[in-house]
C-alpha atoms as a PDB file:
ATOM      1  CA  MET A   1       8.278  -4.685   3.147  1.00  0.00           C
ATOM      2  CA  ASN A   2      11.186  -3.307   1.309  1.00  0.00           C
ATOM      3  CA  VAL A   3      10.941  -1.311  -1.773  1.00  0.00           C
ATOM      4  CA  ASP A   4      13.733  -2.510  -4.042  1.00  0.00           C
ATOM      5  CA  SER A   5      14.350  -1.409  -7.597  1.00  0.00           C
ATOM      6  CA  GLY A   6      16.627  -4.661  -8.291  1.00  0.00           C
ATOM      7  CA  SER A   7      15.537  -7.991  -9.553  1.00  0.00           C
ATOM      8  CA  THR A   8      15.855  -9.969  -6.409  1.00  0.00           C
ATOM      9  CA  HIS A   9      12.715 -11.736  -5.030  1.00  0.00           C
ATOM     10  CA  VAL A  10      12.067 -12.976  -1.530  1.00  0.00           C
ATOM     11  CA  LYS A  11       8.706 -14.577  -1.370  1.00  0.00           C
ATOM     12  CA  GLY A  12       7.380 -14.489   2.374  1.00  0.00           C
ATOM     13  CA  ALA A  13      10.769 -14.502   4.120  1.00  0.00           C
ATOM     14  CA  ARG A  14      10.591 -14.272   8.056  1.00  0.00           C
ATOM     15  CA  GLU A  15      12.563 -11.921  10.108  1.00  0.00           C
ATOM     16  CA  ARG A  16      12.638 -11.208  14.075  1.00  0.00           C
ATOM     17  CA  VAL A  17      12.731  -7.629  14.700  1.00  0.00           C
ATOM     18  CA  GLY A  18      12.943  -6.913  18.209  1.00  0.00           C
ATOM     19  CA  LYS A  19       9.911  -8.775  19.800  1.00  0.00           C
ATOM     20  CA  LYS A  20       7.804  -8.323  16.436  1.00  0.00           C
ATOM     21  CA  ASP A  21       7.451 -11.153  13.768  1.00  0.00           C
ATOM     22  CA  THR A  22       7.732  -9.486  10.569  1.00  0.00           C
ATOM     23  CA  ARG A  23       7.808 -10.575   7.140  1.00  0.00           C
ATOM     24  CA  ARG A  24      10.051  -8.978   4.567  1.00  0.00           C
ATOM     25  CA  TYR A  25       8.673  -8.779   0.613  1.00  0.00           C
ATOM     26  CA  ASN A  26      10.848  -7.181  -1.751  1.00  0.00           C
ATOM     27  CA  VAL A  27       8.702  -5.130  -4.143  1.00  0.00           C
ATOM     28  CA  VAL A  28      10.108  -4.036  -7.705  1.00  0.00           C
ATOM     29  CA  LEU A  29       8.415  -0.971  -8.859  1.00  0.00           C
ATOM     30  CA  PRO A  30       8.504   1.198 -12.089  1.00  0.00           C
ATOM     31  CA  ALA A  31      10.703   4.154 -11.427  1.00  0.00           C
ATOM     32  CA  GLU A  32       7.660   6.401 -12.509  1.00  0.00           C
ATOM     33  CA  LEU A  33       5.503   4.789  -9.650  1.00  0.00           C
ATOM     34  CA  LEU A  34       8.294   5.060  -7.226  1.00  0.00           C
ATOM     35  CA  ASP A  35       9.173   8.588  -8.256  1.00  0.00           C
ATOM     36  CA  GLN A  36       5.473   9.512  -7.743  1.00  0.00           C
ATOM     37  CA  LEU A  37       5.427   7.447  -4.426  1.00  0.00           C
ATOM     38  CA  GLN A  38       8.470   9.589  -3.323  1.00  0.00           C
ATOM     39  CA  GLU A  39       6.881  12.839  -4.140  1.00  0.00           C
ATOM     40  CA  VAL A  40       3.840  12.208  -2.138  1.00  0.00           C
ATOM     41  CA  ALA A  41       6.059  10.943   0.824  1.00  0.00           C
ATOM     42  CA  ASP A  42       8.001  13.889   0.718  1.00  0.00           C
ATOM     43  CA  GLU A  43       4.770  16.092   0.662  1.00  0.00           C
ATOM     44  CA  TYR A  44       3.476  14.388   3.804  1.00  0.00           C
ATOM     45  CA  HIS A  45       7.064  14.531   5.393  1.00  0.00           C
ATOM     46  CA  THR A  46       7.118  10.516   5.729  1.00  0.00           C
ATOM     47  CA  SER A  47       8.835   7.768   4.203  1.00  0.00           C
ATOM     48  CA  THR A  48       7.883   5.514   1.021  1.00  0.00           C
ATOM     49  CA  LEU A  49       7.657   2.644   3.202  1.00  0.00           C
ATOM     50  CA  ASP A  50       5.353   4.170   5.741  1.00  0.00           C
ATOM     51  CA  LEU A  51       3.248   5.577   2.339  1.00  0.00           C
ATOM     52  CA  ILE A  52       2.848   2.116   1.101  1.00  0.00           C
ATOM     53  CA  LYS A  53       2.021   0.680   4.271  1.00  0.00           C
ATOM     54  CA  ARG A  54      -0.539   3.106   4.365  1.00  0.00           C
ATOM     55  CA  PHE A  55      -1.875   2.305   1.085  1.00  0.00           C
ATOM     56  CA  ILE A  56      -1.725  -1.331   1.873  1.00  0.00           C
ATOM     57  CA  ARG A  57      -4.082  -0.863   4.977  1.00  0.00           C
ATOM     58  CA  LEU A  58      -6.456   1.544   2.614  1.00  0.00           C
ATOM     59  CA  GLY A  59      -6.520  -1.315  -0.102  1.00  0.00           C
ATOM     60  CA  LEU A  60      -7.394  -4.042   2.533  1.00  0.00           C
ATOM     61  CA  LEU A  61     -10.317  -1.998   3.755  1.00  0.00           C
ATOM     62  CA  ALA A  62     -11.843  -1.514   0.202  1.00  0.00           C
ATOM     63  CA  VAL A  63     -11.390  -5.147  -0.140  1.00  0.00           C
ATOM     64  CA  ARG A  64     -13.490  -5.596   3.134  1.00  0.00           C
ATOM     65  CA  ALA A  65     -15.777  -3.500   1.886  1.00  0.00           C
ATOM     66  CA  GLU A  66     -16.258  -5.470  -1.389  1.00  0.00           C
ATOM     67  CA  LYS A  67     -16.675  -8.498   0.571  1.00  0.00           C
ATOM     68  CA  THR A  68     -19.353  -7.097   2.999  1.00  0.00           C
ATOM     69  CA  PRO A  69     -22.807  -6.699   1.971  1.00  0.00           C
ATOM     70  CA  ASP A  70     -23.666  -3.760   4.383  1.00  0.00           C
ATOM     71  CA  LEU A  71     -20.223  -1.993   4.059  1.00  0.00           C
ATOM     72  CA  GLU A  72     -19.475   0.304   1.106  1.00  0.00           C
ATOM     73  CA  PHE A  73     -16.342   2.382   0.246  1.00  0.00           C
ATOM     74  CA  PHE A  74     -16.822   5.300  -1.487  1.00  0.00           C
ATOM     75  CA  ILE A  75     -14.848   8.358  -2.703  1.00  0.00           C
ATOM     76  CA  ARG A  76     -16.221  11.660  -3.282  1.00  0.00           C
ATOM     77  CA  GLU A  77     -14.536  14.144  -5.652  1.00  0.00           C
ATOM     78  CA  GLY A  78     -16.659  17.416  -6.613  1.00  0.00           C
ATOM     79  CA  GLY A  79     -19.811  16.715  -5.130  1.00  0.00           C
ATOM     80  CA  VAL A  80     -20.169  13.068  -6.947  1.00  0.00           C
ATOM     81  CA  GLU A  81     -19.577   9.953  -5.397  1.00  0.00           C
ATOM     82  CA  LYS A  82     -17.908   7.004  -6.945  1.00  0.00           C
ATOM     83  CA  ARG A  83     -17.981   3.131  -5.141  1.00  0.00           C
ATOM     84  CA  VAL A  84     -14.356   1.686  -4.988  1.00  0.00           C
ATOM     85  CA  LEU A  85     -14.263  -1.445  -6.446  1.00  0.00           C
ATOM     86  CA  ILE A  86     -11.385  -3.906  -6.459  1.00  0.00           C
ATOM     87  CA  VAL A  87     -10.631  -5.061  -9.960  1.00  0.00           C
END
């Protein structure tokens, strides 16, 4: 995945890196969102790319939970549980 502030989009382009088969997907994000990502990445001493990959994995887990009847994904805040739904 490549975060790019330009307007070029490459849909599912494949690239060989070492022995791993990867796909490049350019994402154009609003500046405010990218700034927020950078702040969190700095706080956790990681890159925005790594952070985006983590968020994608978390989102995929939420999707899996939504599709699996006996699996639920919750966030607890201040003693209140909120079920995560993919809208």
